[in-house]
Protein backbone atom coordinates (compact mmCIF):
# COMPACT_ATOMS: atom_id res chain seq x y z
CA MET A 1 0.00 0.00 0.00
CA GLU A 2 2.83 2.39 0.88
CA ILE A 3 4.51 1.70 -2.48
CA GLU A 4 1.23 2.39 -4.32
CA ALA A 5 0.81 5.66 -2.44
CA LEU A 6 4.37 6.71 -3.23
CA THR A 7 3.88 5.77 -6.87
CA ALA A 8 0.68 7.83 -7.06
CA THR A 9 2.45 10.79 -5.46
CA ARG A 10 5.32 10.51 -7.92
CA ASP A 11 2.94 10.36 -10.89
CA PHE A 12 1.09 13.40 -9.58
CA HIS A 13 4.28 15.43 -9.30
CA THR A 14 5.38 14.25 -12.75
CA ARG A 15 2.13 15.47 -14.27
CA GLU A 16 2.32 18.77 -12.43
CA SER A 17 5.89 19.25 -13.51
CA ALA A 18 4.99 18.59 -17.13
CA ARG A 19 2.03 20.96 -16.91
CA HIS A 20 4.15 23.76 -15.48
CA SER A 21 6.94 23.07 -17.96
CA ALA A 22 4.44 23.70 -20.76
CA LEU A 23 3.98 27.18 -19.36
CA LEU A 24 7.65 27.84 -20.08
CA SER A 25 7.33 26.80 -23.74
CA PRO A 26 8.53 29.54 -26.15
CA ILE A 27 5.13 29.52 -27.88
CA LYS A 28 3.60 30.75 -24.61
CA ARG A 29 5.87 33.80 -24.71
CA THR A 30 5.34 34.58 -28.39
CA PRO A 31 3.86 38.07 -28.83
CA ASN A 32 0.33 38.16 -30.18
CA ASP A 33 1.27 39.95 -33.40
CA ILE A 34 3.82 37.27 -34.29
CA LEU A 35 1.47 34.46 -33.30
CA SER A 36 -1.27 36.01 -35.40
CA SER A 37 1.10 36.18 -38.39
CA ILE A 38 1.87 32.47 -37.94
CA PHE A 39 -1.85 31.70 -37.95
CA ILE A 40 -2.36 33.69 -41.16
CA ALA A 41 0.59 31.97 -42.85
CA LEU A 42 -0.85 28.57 -41.94
CA VAL A 43 -4.27 29.37 -43.43
CA ALA A 44 -2.64 30.83 -46.57
CA HIS A 45 -0.45 27.77 -47.14
CA PRO A 46 -1.17 26.11 -50.54
CA ASP A 47 -2.32 22.93 -48.78
CA ASN A 48 -5.00 24.92 -46.95
CA ARG A 49 -5.89 27.54 -49.54
CA ASN A 50 -8.92 25.64 -50.83
CA ALA A 51 -10.08 24.27 -47.50
CA ASP A 52 -13.84 24.12 -47.03
CA MET A 53 -15.54 26.05 -44.27
CA SER A 54 -15.84 23.24 -41.74
CA ASN A 55 -14.63 22.05 -38.35
CA THR A 56 -11.40 20.87 -39.97
CA HIS A 57 -10.56 24.27 -41.43
CA PRO A 58 -7.19 25.48 -40.02
CA ALA A 59 -8.79 28.61 -38.57
CA VAL A 60 -11.29 26.51 -36.63
CA VAL A 61 -8.63 24.05 -35.45
CA ILE A 62 -6.48 26.94 -34.20
CA SER A 63 -9.41 28.42 -32.31
CA HIS A 64 -9.94 25.14 -30.43
CA VAL A 65 -6.41 24.79 -29.02
CA CYS A 66 -6.81 26.94 -25.92
CA GLU A 67 -8.68 29.95 -24.65
CA HIS A 68 -5.86 32.39 -25.51
CA TRP A 69 -5.51 31.09 -29.06
CA ARG A 70 -9.27 31.19 -29.53
CA GLU A 71 -9.47 34.83 -28.50
CA LEU A 72 -6.58 35.70 -30.79
CA ALA A 73 -8.02 33.70 -33.71
CA LEU A 74 -11.39 35.43 -33.41
CA GLU A 75 -9.65 38.80 -33.33
CA THR A 76 -7.60 37.97 -36.44
CA SER A 77 -10.15 38.71 -39.14
CA ALA A 78 -7.82 37.62 -41.97
CA LEU A 79 -8.25 33.99 -40.84
CA TRP A 80 -11.91 34.13 -41.86
CA SER A 81 -11.54 36.12 -45.06
CA THR A 82 -12.15 33.22 -47.50
CA ILE A 83 -15.83 32.46 -47.95
CA LYS A 84 -16.50 29.21 -49.79
CA VAL A 85 -20.12 28.22 -50.41
CA THR A 86 -20.52 25.10 -52.54
CA PRO A 87 -23.62 23.16 -51.47
CA PRO A 88 -24.48 20.02 -53.44
CA ILE A 89 -26.74 20.30 -56.46
CA PHE A 90 -30.39 19.77 -55.63
CA PRO A 91 -31.31 16.07 -56.08
CA GLN A 92 -33.33 15.95 -59.26
CA ARG A 93 -35.69 13.16 -60.24
CA PHE A 94 -34.10 11.53 -63.28
CA GLY A 95 -35.67 8.99 -65.55
CA TYR A 96 -34.31 6.04 -63.64
CA LEU A 97 -36.08 7.12 -60.44
CA GLU A 98 -39.57 5.70 -60.37
CA ASP A 99 -42.47 7.36 -58.59
CA SER A 100 -42.36 4.71 -55.90
CA VAL A 101 -38.95 5.86 -54.65
CA VAL A 102 -40.14 9.46 -54.40
CA SER A 103 -43.37 9.16 -52.49
CA THR A 104 -43.81 8.47 -48.79
CA THR A 105 -45.71 5.56 -47.36
CA GLU A 106 -47.14 4.64 -44.01
CA HIS A 107 -44.24 2.21 -43.54
CA GLY A 108 -41.43 4.81 -43.53
CA THR A 109 -39.39 7.23 -45.62
CA ARG A 110 -38.52 6.61 -49.23
CA PRO A 111 -34.88 7.13 -50.34
CA MET A 112 -35.67 10.29 -52.34
CA ILE A 113 -37.34 11.95 -49.34
CA ASP A 114 -34.27 11.23 -47.24
CA LEU A 115 -32.09 12.72 -49.98
CA LEU A 116 -34.17 15.90 -50.05
CA ARG A 117 -33.99 16.26 -46.29
CA ARG A 118 -30.21 15.88 -46.30
CA TRP A 119 -29.89 18.44 -49.09
CA GLU A 120 -31.91 20.93 -47.05
CA ARG A 121 -29.73 20.39 -43.97
CA CYS A 122 -26.62 20.87 -46.06
CA VAL A 123 -27.83 24.19 -47.50
CA LYS A 124 -28.81 25.39 -44.03
CA TRP A 125 -25.37 24.45 -42.75
CA ASN A 126 -23.78 26.46 -45.58
CA LEU A 127 -26.00 29.40 -44.69
CA ASP A 128 -25.16 29.32 -40.98
CA THR A 129 -21.44 28.83 -41.62
CA ALA A 130 -21.32 31.68 -44.12
CA ARG A 131 -22.91 33.98 -41.55
CA VAL A 132 -20.30 33.02 -38.95
CA TRP A 133 -17.36 33.39 -41.34
CA ILE A 134 -18.51 36.75 -42.71
CA SER A 135 -19.11 38.05 -39.18
CA ARG A 136 -15.65 36.99 -38.02
CA SER A 137 -13.99 38.55 -41.08
CA LYS A 138 -15.14 41.93 -39.76
CA ASP A 139 -13.93 44.70 -42.07
CA SER A 140 -11.28 42.66 -43.91
CA ASN A 141 -11.25 42.23 -47.64
CA ILE A 142 -12.59 38.80 -48.51
CA SER A 143 -12.41 36.21 -51.29
CA VAL A 144 -15.69 34.55 -52.23
CA THR A 145 -16.41 31.22 -53.92
CA PHE A 146 -20.10 30.67 -54.59
CA HIS A 147 -21.17 27.68 -56.72
CA VAL A 148 -24.94 27.24 -56.48
CA SER A 149 -27.78 26.01 -58.67
CA ASP A 150 -31.41 27.04 -58.18
CA ASP A 151 -32.66 24.24 -60.43
CA VAL A 152 -35.12 23.01 -57.82
CA PRO A 153 -38.12 21.02 -59.14
CA GLU A 154 -41.64 21.97 -58.16
CA PHE A 155 -42.68 19.55 -55.49
CA SER A 156 -46.15 19.28 -56.91
CA THR A 157 -44.61 16.94 -59.46
CA LEU A 158 -43.16 14.72 -56.75
CA GLU A 159 -45.85 12.88 -54.85
CA GLY A 160 -45.60 13.28 -51.10
CA THR A 161 -42.63 15.68 -51.00
CA ALA A 162 -44.66 18.90 -50.83
CA ARG A 163 -46.10 17.86 -47.49
CA ASP A 164 -42.78 16.58 -46.18
CA LEU A 165 -40.61 19.61 -47.05
CA GLU A 166 -43.32 22.32 -46.96
CA GLY A 167 -43.21 23.00 -50.64
CA TRP A 168 -41.12 24.38 -53.41
CA GLU A 169 -41.20 27.92 -51.97
CA ARG A 170 -39.30 26.80 -48.90
CA MET A 171 -36.36 25.63 -50.99
CA THR A 172 -36.38 28.80 -53.08
CA THR A 173 -36.43 30.96 -49.94
CA LEU A 174 -33.51 29.06 -48.49
CA LEU A 175 -31.37 29.64 -51.59
CA ALA A 176 -32.40 33.30 -51.77
CA GLU A 177 -31.37 33.82 -48.15
CA LEU A 178 -28.02 32.18 -48.83
CA SER A 179 -27.45 34.51 -51.80
CA GLU A 180 -28.39 37.60 -49.82
CA VAL A 181 -26.07 36.74 -46.91
CA VAL A 182 -23.07 36.36 -49.21
CA CYS A 183 -23.93 39.39 -51.37
CA ALA A 184 -24.26 41.61 -48.30
CA SER A 185 -20.47 41.64 -48.10
CA HIS A 186 -19.83 42.52 -51.76
CA HIS A 187 -18.25 45.88 -50.88
CA ARG A 188 -15.34 43.91 -49.33
CA TRP A 189 -14.80 41.42 -52.16
CA VAL A 190 -11.29 41.29 -53.60
CA THR A 191 -11.68 38.07 -55.58
CA ALA A 192 -14.86 36.24 -56.53
CA ASP A 193 -15.47 32.85 -58.15
CA LEU A 194 -19.16 32.64 -59.06
CA HIS A 195 -20.82 29.70 -60.80
CA LEU A 196 -24.54 30.37 -61.00
CA VAL A 197 -27.01 27.94 -62.57
CA THR A 198 -30.60 29.10 -62.88
CA SER A 199 -33.62 27.46 -64.48
CA ARG A 200 -35.91 30.47 -64.15
CA SER A 201 -36.16 33.99 -65.43
CA VAL A 202 -33.57 36.24 -63.84
CA THR A 203 -36.20 38.27 -61.97
CA ALA A 204 -37.58 35.11 -60.32
CA SER A 205 -34.28 33.44 -59.52
CA PRO A 206 -33.11 33.22 -55.89
CA LEU A 207 -29.63 33.96 -57.29
CA LYS A 208 -30.80 37.39 -58.48
CA PRO A 209 -28.80 39.30 -55.78
CA PHE A 210 -25.59 38.43 -57.62
CA MET A 211 -26.96 39.73 -60.92
CA ASP A 212 -28.14 42.96 -59.27
CA ILE A 213 -24.70 43.93 -57.99
CA LYS A 214 -23.68 47.32 -59.40
CA ALA A 215 -20.19 48.36 -60.45
CA ASP A 216 -19.78 50.85 -57.59
CA GLU A 217 -20.80 48.17 -55.04
CA VAL A 218 -17.63 46.16 -55.67
CA PRO A 219 -14.99 48.90 -55.34
CA SER A 220 -12.21 46.47 -54.32
CA LEU A 221 -12.95 43.58 -56.69
CA ARG A 222 -9.79 42.88 -58.71
CA ARG A 223 -10.26 39.28 -59.86
CA LEU A 224 -13.51 37.71 -61.07
CA LYS A 225 -14.26 34.23 -62.39
CA ILE A 226 -17.88 33.96 -63.37
CA ALA A 227 -20.14 31.48 -65.13
CA VAL A 228 -23.87 32.08 -65.54
CA VAL A 229 -25.70 29.07 -66.95
CA ILE A 230 -29.38 29.52 -67.76
CA VAL A 231 -31.43 26.42 -68.48
CA GLY A 232 -35.08 25.50 -68.86
CA ASP A 233 -37.60 28.33 -68.52
CA GLY A 234 -34.89 30.98 -68.09
CA LEU A 235 -33.29 30.53 -71.51
CA ASN A 236 -34.89 33.66 -72.97
CA SER A 237 -33.64 35.99 -70.21
CA SER A 238 -30.35 37.82 -69.90
CA PRO A 239 -28.37 37.41 -66.65
CA PHE A 240 -27.81 41.14 -66.28
CA GLY A 241 -30.89 42.54 -67.96
CA ARG A 242 -30.71 44.92 -70.89
CA ASP A 243 -28.52 47.56 -69.23
CA HIS A 244 -25.06 46.05 -68.94
CA GLN A 245 -23.34 49.28 -67.97
CA GLU A 246 -23.78 48.94 -64.23
CA ASN A 247 -23.07 45.41 -63.05
CA ILE A 248 -20.33 43.36 -61.47
CA LEU A 249 -18.54 42.98 -64.83
CA SER A 250 -17.94 46.73 -64.90
CA GLY A 251 -16.11 46.91 -61.56
CA LYS A 252 -13.78 49.89 -61.44
CA ALA A 253 -10.89 47.91 -59.90
CA LEU A 254 -11.37 44.77 -62.00
CA GLN A 255 -8.11 43.66 -63.64
CA ASP A 256 -8.39 39.88 -63.97
CA ILE A 257 -11.52 38.29 -65.42
CA HIS A 258 -12.28 34.67 -66.34
CA LEU A 259 -15.55 34.31 -68.22
CA SER A 260 -17.19 30.97 -68.88
CA TYR A 261 -20.70 31.98 -69.82
CA SER A 262 -22.90 29.69 -71.79
CA SER A 263 -25.94 31.96 -71.73
CA ILE A 264 -24.74 35.44 -72.66
CA ASP A 265 -23.00 36.81 -75.73
CA PHE A 266 -19.69 38.54 -75.06
CA ARG A 267 -20.80 41.36 -77.38
CA GLN A 268 -23.38 42.35 -74.76
CA MET A 269 -20.73 42.84 -72.08
CA HIS A 270 -19.48 46.31 -71.28
CA LEU A 271 -16.32 45.58 -69.36
CA ARG A 272 -13.60 48.11 -68.79
CA TRP A 273 -11.45 46.31 -71.34
CA GLY A 274 -8.61 48.83 -71.23
CA GLN A 275 -7.81 48.20 -67.55
CA LEU A 276 -7.69 44.39 -67.74
CA THR A 277 -4.33 42.69 -67.25
CA GLN A 278 -5.61 39.10 -67.44
CA LEU A 279 -8.44 37.84 -69.62
CA ARG A 280 -9.71 34.32 -70.17
CA PHE A 281 -12.73 33.08 -72.08
CA ASP A 282 -13.48 29.39 -71.70
CA VAL A 283 -14.46 27.75 -74.95
CA GLY A 284 -18.26 27.68 -75.09
CA PRO A 285 -21.16 28.24 -77.49
CA GLN A 286 -21.37 31.99 -76.86
CA ILE A 287 -17.71 32.86 -76.35
CA VAL A 288 -15.81 31.36 -79.25
CA PHE A 289 -14.43 34.12 -81.42
CA LYS A 290 -13.84 34.40 -85.08
CA GLU A 291 -10.34 35.66 -85.71
CA LYS A 292 -11.45 39.14 -86.72
CA GLU A 293 -13.57 39.42 -83.57
CA ALA A 294 -10.63 38.32 -81.42
CA ILE A 295 -8.43 40.96 -83.01
CA GLN A 296 -11.06 43.63 -82.35
CA LEU A 297 -11.27 42.53 -78.73
CA LEU A 298 -7.50 42.52 -78.23
CA ARG A 299 -7.31 45.98 -79.73
CA MET A 300 -9.38 47.19 -76.75
CA CYS A 301 -7.17 45.38 -74.18
CA GLN A 302 -3.80 47.05 -74.59
CA ASN A 303 -2.74 46.45 -70.97
CA LEU A 304 -3.12 42.68 -71.08
CA VAL A 305 -0.36 40.60 -69.49
CA LYS A 306 -2.05 37.21 -69.90
CA CYS A 307 -4.68 36.25 -72.46
CA ASP A 308 -6.58 32.99 -73.09
CA LEU A 309 -9.10 32.87 -75.94
CA GLY A 310 -11.05 30.28 -77.92
CA LEU A 311 -11.17 30.69 -81.70
CA TYR A 312 -13.45 29.42 -84.41
CA THR A 313 -11.55 29.15 -87.68
CA ASP A 314 -12.41 27.69 -91.07
CA ASP A 315 -11.13 28.03 -94.60
CA THR A 316 -13.69 30.74 -95.41
CA ASN A 317 -12.78 32.85 -92.38
CA ALA A 318 -10.37 35.16 -94.18
CA MET A 319 -9.21 37.93 -91.90
CA PRO A 320 -8.27 41.22 -93.54
CA LEU A 321 -5.68 43.20 -91.63
CA ASP A 322 -7.98 46.14 -91.00
CA GLY A 323 -6.72 48.73 -88.56
CA GLY A 324 -3.05 47.84 -88.74
CA LEU A 325 -1.02 46.22 -85.96
CA VAL A 326 -2.49 45.49 -82.56
CA ARG A 327 0.12 46.56 -80.05
CA LEU A 328 0.13 44.67 -76.75
CA PRO A 329 3.30 45.98 -75.09
CA ARG A 330 2.75 44.17 -71.77
CA LEU A 331 1.50 40.80 -73.02
CA GLU A 332 3.64 37.94 -71.69
CA SER A 333 1.35 34.94 -72.19
CA ILE A 334 -1.14 34.04 -74.91
CA THR A 335 -3.22 30.88 -75.20
CA VAL A 336 -5.33 30.23 -78.30
CA ARG A 337 -7.76 27.32 -77.95
CA GLY A 338 -9.94 25.72 -80.57
CA ARG A 339 -8.54 25.47 -84.08
CA ALA A 340 -5.10 26.96 -84.57
CA PRO A 341 -5.54 30.33 -86.32
CA GLN A 342 -4.19 31.47 -89.65
CA VAL A 343 -0.75 33.01 -90.10
CA GLU A 344 -2.30 36.47 -90.43
CA PHE A 345 -3.51 36.29 -86.84
CA ALA A 346 0.07 36.18 -85.57
CA SER A 347 1.34 38.80 -87.99
CA VAL A 348 -1.18 41.40 -86.86
CA LEU A 349 -0.14 41.19 -83.17
CA ASP A 350 2.85 43.10 -81.81
CA THR A 351 3.87 41.43 -78.52
CA PRO A 352 7.47 42.44 -77.66
CA ARG A 353 7.35 40.91 -74.15
CA LEU A 354 5.84 37.55 -75.09
CA ARG A 355 7.27 34.69 -73.00
CA ARG A 356 4.57 32.01 -73.07
CA LEU A 357 2.86 30.65 -76.20
CA ILE A 358 0.15 27.94 -75.98
CA ILE A 359 -1.64 26.76 -79.16
CA PRO A 360 -3.05 23.27 -78.46
CA GLY A 361 -5.39 23.10 -81.47
CA VAL A 362 -4.93 21.35 -84.79
CA PRO A 363 -4.48 23.73 -87.75
CA HIS A 364 -7.63 24.37 -89.74
CA LEU A 365 -5.82 23.76 -93.02
CA ALA A 366 -6.76 20.79 -95.17
CA GLY A 367 -3.10 20.23 -96.04
CA SER A 368 0.11 20.25 -94.08
CA SER A 369 1.63 22.98 -91.88
CA THR A 370 4.64 24.15 -93.84
CA GLU A 371 7.13 26.96 -93.43
CA ALA A 372 4.71 29.26 -95.28
CA ASN A 373 1.37 28.62 -93.56
CA SER A 374 2.08 27.61 -89.95
CA VAL A 375 0.90 30.16 -87.39
CA VAL A 376 3.05 28.46 -84.72
CA LEU A 377 6.14 28.85 -86.87
CA ALA A 378 5.22 32.46 -87.66
CA TRP A 379 5.05 33.26 -83.96
CA ILE A 380 8.24 31.36 -83.17
CA ARG A 381 10.13 33.06 -85.99
CA ASP A 382 9.32 36.45 -84.49
CA TYR A 383 9.52 35.69 -80.76
CA GLY A 384 11.17 32.27 -80.37
CA HIS A 385 14.37 33.73 -78.95
CA GLN A 386 12.46 35.17 -75.97
CA LEU A 387 9.94 32.39 -75.32
CA THR A 388 10.43 30.30 -72.16
CA GLU A 389 7.27 28.15 -72.30
CA VAL A 390 5.76 26.71 -75.49
CA ALA A 391 2.97 24.22 -76.22
CA PHE A 392 1.71 23.38 -79.69
CA ASN A 393 0.13 20.59 -81.69
CA ILE A 394 2.51 18.83 -84.07
CA ALA A 395 -0.31 17.37 -86.19
CA ARG A 396 0.11 18.15 -89.90
CA PHE A 397 3.55 19.70 -89.36
CA THR A 398 6.03 18.79 -92.04
CA GLN A 399 9.37 17.63 -90.72
CA SER A 400 11.11 20.73 -92.06
CA ALA A 401 8.60 23.11 -90.45
CA PHE A 402 8.87 21.28 -87.13
CA SER A 403 12.68 21.38 -87.25
CA LEU A 404 12.58 25.11 -87.96
CA CYS A 405 10.33 25.64 -84.93
CA MET A 406 12.57 23.67 -82.61
CA SER A 407 15.77 25.35 -83.78
CA ASN A 408 14.33 28.77 -82.93
CA LEU A 409 13.64 28.06 -79.24
CA PRO A 410 17.02 28.63 -77.54
CA ASN A 411 15.61 29.80 -74.19
CA VAL A 412 12.61 27.51 -73.75
CA THR A 413 12.55 25.78 -70.36
CA SER A 414 9.12 24.14 -70.68
CA LEU A 415 8.01 22.35 -73.86
CA ARG A 416 4.67 20.59 -74.33
CA LEU A 417 4.04 18.82 -77.63
CA LEU A 418 0.54 17.64 -78.45
CA ALA A 419 -0.86 15.34 -81.11
CA PRO A 420 -4.31 13.92 -81.91
CA SER A 421 -4.96 10.23 -82.26
CA SER A 422 -3.69 8.73 -85.49
CA ASN A 423 -7.15 8.52 -87.07
CA LEU A 424 -7.40 12.32 -87.04
CA LEU A 425 -4.24 12.83 -89.05
CA HIS A 426 -4.52 13.74 -92.70
CA PRO A 427 -4.27 10.47 -94.68
CA ASN A 428 -2.54 12.04 -97.70
CA LEU A 429 0.32 13.75 -95.87
CA ASN A 430 3.49 11.73 -96.15
CA ASP A 431 5.84 14.28 -94.62
CA GLN A 432 4.13 14.63 -91.23
CA THR A 433 6.56 14.94 -88.40
CA SER A 434 7.01 12.16 -85.86
CA LEU A 435 9.03 12.13 -82.66
CA THR A 436 11.68 9.45 -83.08
CA ARG A 437 15.14 8.75 -81.69
CA ASP A 438 16.47 11.56 -83.91
CA PHE A 439 14.26 14.02 -82.04
CA PHE A 440 15.88 13.13 -78.70
CA GLU A 441 19.37 13.24 -80.19
CA ARG A 442 18.72 16.81 -81.32
CA LEU A 443 17.56 17.74 -77.81
CA ALA A 444 20.63 16.14 -76.21
CA PRO A 445 23.43 15.56 -78.74
CA HIS A 446 26.03 12.93 -77.75
CA THR A 447 29.15 14.95 -78.43
CA GLU A 448 31.62 13.19 -76.11
CA SER A 449 32.30 10.18 -78.34
CA GLN A 450 31.78 11.89 -81.68
CA LYS A 451 34.66 13.34 -83.69
CA VAL A 452 32.42 15.04 -86.23
CA ALA A 453 30.56 18.27 -85.77
CA VAL A 454 26.94 18.00 -84.72
CA ALA A 455 24.07 20.42 -85.18
CA PRO A 456 23.36 22.77 -82.25
CA ALA A 457 21.09 21.27 -79.62
CA TRP A 458 17.43 22.13 -79.69
CA CYS A 459 16.13 23.88 -76.55
CA PRO A 460 19.45 23.77 -74.66
CA ARG A 461 17.85 25.25 -71.52
CA LEU A 462 15.02 22.69 -71.41
CA GLU A 463 13.90 21.68 -67.90
CA GLY A 464 10.44 20.21 -68.50
CA ILE A 465 8.96 18.30 -71.43
CA ARG A 466 5.61 16.63 -72.15
CA LEU A 467 5.42 14.19 -75.05
CA PRO A 468 2.33 12.95 -76.92
CA GLU A 469 1.24 9.38 -77.43
CA GLY A 470 1.63 7.40 -80.59
CA GLN A 471 5.04 8.67 -81.73
CA GLY A 472 8.02 6.72 -82.98
CA PHE A 473 10.25 6.76 -79.90
CA THR A 474 10.79 3.84 -77.53
CA GLU A 475 11.33 3.52 -73.80
CA ALA A 476 15.06 3.07 -74.45
CA ASP A 477 15.14 6.33 -76.44
CA LEU A 478 13.41 8.20 -73.62
CA LEU A 479 15.74 6.67 -71.03
CA GLU A 480 18.87 7.72 -72.93
CA PHE A 481 17.49 11.23 -73.35
CA VAL A 482 16.83 11.65 -69.61
CA ILE A 483 20.32 10.38 -68.76
CA ALA A 484 21.90 12.81 -71.24
CA LYS A 485 19.94 15.80 -69.92
CA ARG A 486 20.83 14.96 -66.31
CA ARG A 487 24.55 15.23 -67.00
CA THR A 488 26.29 17.73 -64.74
CA ASN A 489 27.86 19.48 -67.73
CA ALA A 490 24.51 20.14 -69.40
CA LEU A 491 23.48 23.77 -69.81
CA SER A 492 20.35 23.03 -67.79
CA ARG A 493 19.23 19.88 -66.03
CA LEU A 494 15.98 18.19 -66.86
CA ARG A 495 13.49 18.34 -63.98
CA SER A 496 10.20 17.06 -65.36
CA VAL A 497 9.25 14.45 -67.98
CA ARG A 498 5.73 13.38 -68.94
CA ALA A 499 5.29 10.75 -71.63
CA PHE A 500 2.61 8.40 -72.98
CA PHE A 501 3.16 5.06 -74.67
CA PRO A 502 0.49 3.14 -76.61
CA THR A 503 2.22 -0.15 -75.76
CA LEU A 504 2.50 -2.08 -72.51
CA GLN A 505 5.30 -1.23 -70.12
CA GLU A 506 8.57 -3.11 -70.51
CA VAL A 507 10.97 -0.78 -68.66
CA ASP A 508 10.50 0.96 -65.33
CA ILE A 509 12.30 4.15 -66.34
CA PRO A 510 12.55 5.81 -62.88
CA GLU A 511 13.84 2.57 -61.36
CA ARG A 512 16.32 2.04 -64.19
CA LEU A 513 17.68 5.56 -63.69
CA ARG A 514 18.37 4.81 -60.03
CA GLU A 515 19.99 1.48 -60.91
CA MET A 516 22.32 3.25 -63.34
CA GLY A 517 23.39 5.74 -60.68
CA VAL A 518 21.77 8.76 -62.33
CA ASP A 519 21.14 11.65 -59.96
CA THR A 520 17.35 11.85 -59.72
CA ASP A 521 17.20 14.49 -57.00
CA GLY A 522 14.62 17.07 -58.12
CA LEU A 523 13.60 14.95 -61.14
CA THR A 524 10.00 13.87 -61.79
CA VAL A 525 9.38 11.23 -64.46
CA ARG A 526 5.78 10.22 -65.16
CA VAL A 527 5.15 7.67 -67.88
CA SER A 528 1.69 6.34 -68.74
CA TYR A 529 0.86 3.04 -70.42
CA PRO A 530 -2.40 1.32 -71.41
CA ALA A 531 -3.79 -1.00 -68.78
CA ARG A 532 -3.48 -4.72 -69.29
CA MET A 533 -6.74 -6.23 -70.46
CA PRO A 534 -8.01 -8.65 -67.81
CA LEU A 535 -9.11 -12.15 -68.61
CA ARG A 536 -12.84 -12.48 -68.24
CA PRO A 537 -13.93 -15.18 -65.78
CA TRP A 538 -16.40 -17.66 -67.21
CA ALA A 539 -18.82 -17.16 -64.32
CA LYS A 540 -19.17 -13.47 -65.21
CA PHE A 541 -19.70 -14.24 -68.87
CA VAL A 542 -22.48 -16.74 -68.29
CA ASN A 543 -25.15 -16.09 -65.67
CA ILE A 544 -24.72 -19.17 -63.51
CA ALA A 545 -27.21 -19.41 -60.66
CA SER A 546 -26.00 -20.43 -57.25
CA GLU A 547 -26.97 -23.89 -56.12
CA ASP A 548 -28.50 -22.35 -52.98
CA GLU A 549 -30.54 -19.80 -54.92
CA GLU A 550 -34.27 -20.40 -54.76
CA TYR A 551 -36.76 -19.47 -57.43
């Protein structure tokens, strides 16, 4: 008994000592301003940047550590300055849901009713959490993500649900309240990512508060990503009414805009084009430009630094060079999606600071891309010496045109080559380029053992490369190339390789590199292969009933 008492006393003193030692921890003596900065850095870390508003959010976790940290976290408004509202889409009744799974019975709740109830709780939770977050953000500038659909079916069409959830109006009111709570803070928005789906006329939509925002109500908004999708009964309405002069798209501080409309024509937008530094239009039915339209748009955006457009091009889309050159003195990056444009499109643009060129589309031409008619080559001829990142589609390139492109990229560090599947290639082109062993030897010439002069290396500063599928190189060719570019005497060391093979894997390239003693520190090699086709068990091919199964 005496030993047990002494042991208990010792354990007590050990615990007390540990508890008091914690009071001497340096974190306890850290000034509040420094501690608050640490909290902000944690929330802003890339791993936490897209965290949902939940109990696992870093700001919430911090506030649950101790009373002092909670007080400090609640006083640090920047911790709560990212509002993310992304409730699930309302559970619709699709064709495979029969009436019997929707209605209620005296024996219990049908699955669809349970789904509707859970959706309602989820939206309410988003509403309550948004209120808390916005309140704690106080007067700080905030970033908003709001992805919501109001495509809620009328419950009169779903037997039993009107009584259970108190009708269609209740759902509409809930979404309207959620919209109003978030929009009440619009004067503090710095960035906004809005994806609004409505099936009603704009005036009847619970998402209407977002479409009613005026330009002077978002004085701090600098970056906007917005998609307004109108379906069903709302197809004949415009998201911003007839007067487009005073809406969120016309924000006085707006510099970066990403538009992915499917229900509004870009010609109806009255943005402050001249102040934009970044502009992106996702490819869609209303925002694909003809080349002449794109040139007219770029002429209004002379301060662009980054541009991403979708083009519609065909053989009849001749583009006269009306208006002379389009000068974009600050443009550093241009991406042209859809069909690759004509040579004239490149010749009309003056982009002295261009560093990044992305043209993933196949040329519209019926024939091959030669030295005379390749828009990629035209751009590279003019700006290849200053480009550091390039991506283009090698389909229909003649070997000579491709070689000319590659030899004019001395400072490229990132190269992405694309190609369609073989059945999309022009059947009558015999001189189409293909990436073979010769391609890799031009990227990394083996000069040590050669006594004859070799051509200058293509892309001597290359650090990252992405290769298309269906080319003529083998795993051994790729392996030798990586080894050559990882030599210590190379002008730059390869850091990233992405390749696709249409054949089954025979060589584990990363493992082989390690076996050969190649320094792979800082190197990422990702190689994709088709999956092996499984053998099909006989039992799955023929429906064999179990011996115990009763009929």
